[in-house]
Amino acid sequence: YAQGGATTLDNAQLLHALCNRQRGQKPMSAAPAAAAQAAGGGAAGEGREEAAAAQAAAAAEAAAAEARAAPAVAERTAAAPAKLLQPAAAQAAAERAAAAQAVAQAAAERAAAQAAAQAAAERAAAQAAAQAAAERAAAAQAAAQAAAERAAAERAAAAQAAAERAAAAHAAVARLRRTGCRDEASECRKDEIVKGMVLRQELKGT
């Protein structure tokens, strides 16, 4: 077997055949040709078969040990840090982390842009309110100025009218002084004198 003999037999069949030969039994029915060849090989063939059997037993024991250790290996692999993972898995994890960081950065940028837009809107609203207040103040000032102008015009008109009345009274009084009241026909002039005196008193009161 070790030198290329019955290479089609697996380890279990070969061990079973060797055990049966040592006990004087027939080999397994699945390999009669291999058992016949092993029996005709003589002492040299027996040595080779024993070596092959030992090698097969060692392989079987190693396989069993590997099977027993498989769960522990799986646990250690699952608990291993990222640096011990396969390169593809580590790269995928790094790509996912980079993508998450990019998403977070984009969200932060959007939040900053939104805050800036809100601040700009608040400044614009404050500017509009200040402009409206300035316009109201200007309108109030214009209304006050117009009222002051109207009051001044009314005072000027009243003063002019009073001056005209005073001038007329003075003229009437002066005219009566010049002409006098010499006859009965001058009753109208007396009325004018009385009116002039009353108007003078009114002017003194103002």
Protein backbone atom coordinates (compact mmCIF):
# COMPACT_ATOMS: atom_id res chain seq x y z
CA TYR A 1 0.00 0.00 0.00
CA ALA A 2 2.77 2.43 0.90
CA GLN A 3 4.52 1.76 -2.41
CA GLY A 4 1.49 2.07 -4.63
CA GLY A 5 -0.19 -1.32 -4.11
CA ALA A 6 -3.86 -1.47 -3.25
CA THR A 7 -4.35 2.25 -3.38
CA THR A 8 -8.12 1.94 -3.88
CA LEU A 9 -8.67 0.69 -0.29
CA ASP A 10 -9.34 3.23 2.43
CA ASN A 11 -7.79 3.13 5.89
CA ALA A 12 -10.67 1.30 7.56
CA GLN A 13 -10.70 -1.47 4.97
CA LEU A 14 -6.95 -1.92 5.17
CA LEU A 15 -6.97 -2.15 8.98
CA HIS A 16 -9.84 -4.63 8.87
CA ALA A 17 -8.00 -6.77 6.35
CA LEU A 18 -4.80 -6.82 8.41
CA CYS A 19 -6.67 -7.73 11.58
CA ASN A 20 -8.47 -10.58 9.87
CA ARG A 21 -5.19 -11.90 8.40
CA GLN A 22 -3.52 -11.92 11.81
CA ARG A 23 -6.47 -13.87 13.22
CA GLY A 24 -6.42 -16.37 10.36
CA GLN A 25 -9.75 -15.13 8.93
CA LYS A 26 -10.58 -14.15 5.41
CA PRO A 27 -10.22 -10.54 4.39
CA MET A 28 -13.13 -8.21 3.77
CA SER A 29 -15.25 -9.12 0.81
CA ALA A 30 -14.83 -5.68 -0.61
CA ALA A 31 -11.10 -6.26 -1.32
CA PRO A 32 -10.28 -9.96 -2.09
CA ALA A 33 -7.60 -9.07 -4.65
CA ALA A 34 -5.79 -6.75 -2.26
CA ALA A 35 -5.83 -9.39 0.51
CA ALA A 36 -4.47 -12.04 -1.87
CA GLN A 37 -1.70 -9.75 -2.99
CA ALA A 38 -0.84 -8.93 0.65
CA ALA A 39 -0.78 -12.67 1.53
CA GLY A 40 1.55 -13.58 -1.40
CA GLY A 41 4.07 -10.93 -0.67
CA GLY A 42 5.93 -12.96 1.99
CA ALA A 43 7.80 -11.55 4.91
CA ALA A 44 8.75 -8.39 3.06
CA GLY A 45 5.10 -7.79 2.20
CA GLU A 46 4.11 -8.26 5.82
CA GLY A 47 6.56 -5.57 6.88
CA ARG A 48 5.24 -3.14 4.35
CA GLU A 49 1.66 -3.88 5.35
CA GLU A 50 2.44 -3.32 9.02
CA ALA A 51 4.06 0.02 8.21
CA ALA A 52 1.09 1.00 6.09
CA ALA A 53 -1.27 -0.08 8.86
CA ALA A 54 0.63 2.02 11.39
CA GLN A 55 0.60 4.98 9.04
CA ALA A 56 -3.12 4.55 8.45
CA ALA A 57 -3.79 4.28 12.18
CA ALA A 58 -1.80 7.47 12.78
CA ALA A 59 -3.75 9.25 10.04
CA ALA A 60 -7.03 8.05 11.49
CA GLU A 61 -6.03 9.20 14.96
CA ALA A 62 -4.97 12.61 13.61
CA ALA A 63 -8.28 12.95 11.78
CA ALA A 64 -10.18 12.06 14.95
CA ALA A 65 -8.17 14.58 16.97
CA GLU A 66 -8.81 17.24 14.35
CA ALA A 67 -12.52 16.45 14.46
CA ARG A 68 -12.54 16.70 18.24
CA ALA A 69 -10.68 20.02 18.14
CA ALA A 70 -12.89 21.51 15.41
CA PRO A 71 -15.44 23.12 17.81
CA ALA A 72 -12.71 24.79 19.85
CA VAL A 73 -11.06 26.10 16.69
CA ALA A 74 -14.41 27.48 15.53
CA GLU A 75 -14.91 29.24 18.87
CA ARG A 76 -11.44 30.76 18.79
CA THR A 77 -12.00 31.91 15.22
CA ALA A 78 -15.31 33.52 16.19
CA ALA A 79 -13.72 35.22 19.19
CA ALA A 80 -10.60 36.32 17.30
CA PRO A 81 -10.06 40.08 16.87
CA ALA A 82 -10.52 41.80 13.54
CA LYS A 83 -6.81 41.69 12.73
CA LEU A 84 -6.86 37.86 12.80
CA LEU A 85 -9.79 37.58 10.41
CA GLN A 86 -9.38 36.86 6.77
CA PRO A 87 -8.25 39.79 4.64
CA ALA A 88 -11.55 39.91 2.74
CA ALA A 89 -13.61 40.03 5.93
CA ALA A 90 -11.34 42.69 7.44
CA GLN A 91 -11.56 44.75 4.28
CA ALA A 92 -15.35 44.46 4.24
CA ALA A 93 -15.50 45.57 7.88
CA ALA A 94 -13.24 48.53 7.11
CA GLU A 95 -15.41 49.48 4.13
CA ARG A 96 -18.55 49.33 6.27
CA ALA A 97 -16.91 51.50 8.93
CA ALA A 98 -15.83 54.02 6.27
CA ALA A 99 -19.33 54.08 4.81
CA ALA A 100 -20.84 54.67 8.26
CA GLN A 101 -18.37 57.49 8.90
CA ALA A 102 -19.20 59.07 5.55
CA VAL A 103 -22.92 58.90 6.33
CA ALA A 104 -22.34 60.50 9.74
CA GLN A 105 -20.21 63.25 8.20
CA ALA A 106 -22.85 63.95 5.56
CA ALA A 107 -25.52 64.16 8.27
CA ALA A 108 -23.36 66.59 10.25
CA GLU A 109 -22.82 68.74 7.15
CA ARG A 110 -26.56 68.78 6.43
CA ALA A 111 -27.26 69.79 10.03
CA ALA A 112 -24.69 72.59 9.82
CA ALA A 113 -26.15 73.83 6.52
CA GLN A 114 -29.65 73.78 8.00
CA ALA A 115 -28.48 75.73 11.05
CA ALA A 116 -26.78 78.30 8.80
CA ALA A 117 -29.92 78.66 6.68
CA GLN A 118 -32.04 79.12 9.81
CA ALA A 119 -29.66 81.76 11.15
CA ALA A 120 -29.77 83.58 7.79
CA ALA A 121 -33.57 83.48 7.81
CA GLU A 122 -33.63 84.89 11.35
CA ARG A 123 -31.25 87.69 10.35
CA ALA A 124 -33.41 88.51 7.33
CA ALA A 125 -36.54 88.58 9.51
CA ALA A 126 -34.83 90.87 12.01
CA GLN A 127 -33.68 93.17 9.19
CA ALA A 128 -37.21 93.28 7.75
CA ALA A 129 -38.63 94.12 11.20
CA ALA A 130 -36.08 96.90 11.66
CA GLN A 131 -36.88 98.31 8.22
CA ALA A 132 -40.62 98.24 8.98
CA ALA A 133 -39.99 100.02 12.28
CA ALA A 134 -37.90 102.67 10.51
CA GLU A 135 -40.65 103.19 7.95
CA ARG A 136 -43.26 103.57 10.69
CA ALA A 137 -41.04 106.07 12.49
CA ALA A 138 -40.55 108.06 9.29
CA ALA A 139 -44.29 108.06 8.64
CA ALA A 140 -44.95 109.24 12.21
CA GLN A 141 -42.35 111.98 11.83
CA ALA A 142 -43.88 113.10 8.54
CA ALA A 143 -47.35 113.16 10.11
CA ALA A 144 -46.03 115.20 13.05
CA GLN A 145 -44.33 117.63 10.69
CA ALA A 146 -47.50 118.01 8.65
CA ALA A 147 -49.53 118.65 11.82
CA ALA A 148 -46.98 121.21 12.95
CA GLU A 149 -47.17 122.91 9.55
CA ARG A 150 -50.96 122.97 9.68
CA ALA A 151 -50.91 124.41 13.21
CA ALA A 152 -48.41 127.06 12.16
CA ALA A 153 -50.51 127.96 9.14
CA GLU A 154 -53.62 128.19 11.29
CA ARG A 155 -51.82 130.39 13.80
CA ALA A 156 -50.48 132.58 11.06
CA ALA A 157 -53.92 132.92 9.50
CA ALA A 158 -55.48 133.73 12.87
CA ALA A 159 -52.79 136.31 13.61
CA GLN A 160 -53.23 137.88 10.19
CA ALA A 161 -56.99 138.05 10.64
CA ALA A 162 -56.55 139.62 14.08
CA ALA A 163 -54.11 142.13 12.69
CA GLU A 164 -56.50 143.02 9.92
CA ARG A 165 -59.33 143.49 12.42
CA ALA A 166 -57.11 145.64 14.64
CA ALA A 167 -56.07 147.76 11.70
CA ALA A 168 -59.70 148.26 10.71
CA ALA A 169 -60.61 149.26 14.28
CA HIS A 170 -57.75 151.70 14.48
CA ALA A 171 -58.76 153.19 11.19
CA ALA A 172 -62.37 153.55 12.32
CA VAL A 173 -61.36 155.15 15.56
CA ALA A 174 -59.06 157.56 13.78
CA ARG A 175 -61.73 158.43 11.29
CA LEU A 176 -64.26 159.13 14.03
CA ARG A 177 -61.79 161.33 15.85
CA ARG A 178 -61.21 163.34 12.76
CA THR A 179 -64.87 163.82 11.87
CA GLY A 180 -66.54 163.86 15.30
CA CYS A 181 -70.28 163.57 15.98
CA ARG A 182 -71.78 167.16 15.40
CA ASP A 183 -75.36 166.37 14.55
CA GLU A 184 -78.10 163.84 14.90
CA ALA A 185 -77.23 162.27 11.57
CA SER A 186 -74.06 160.87 12.91
CA GLU A 187 -75.65 158.05 14.96
CA CYS A 188 -74.12 155.54 12.63
CA ARG A 189 -70.73 156.95 13.45
CA LYS A 190 -71.47 156.51 17.13
CA ASP A 191 -72.20 152.86 16.47
CA GLU A 192 -68.88 152.57 14.68
CA ILE A 193 -67.13 154.14 17.70
CA VAL A 194 -68.80 151.70 20.06
CA LYS A 195 -67.85 148.82 17.83
CA GLY A 196 -64.30 150.10 17.65
CA MET A 197 -64.07 150.35 21.43
CA VAL A 198 -65.41 146.83 21.88
CA LEU A 199 -62.97 145.49 19.30
CA ARG A 200 -60.14 147.28 21.08
CA GLN A 201 -61.10 145.67 24.35
CA GLU A 202 -61.17 142.30 22.67
CA LEU A 203 -57.71 142.91 21.24
CA LYS A 204 -56.41 143.92 24.67
CA GLY A 205 -57.86 140.69 26.10
CA THR A 206 -56.07 138.57 23.50
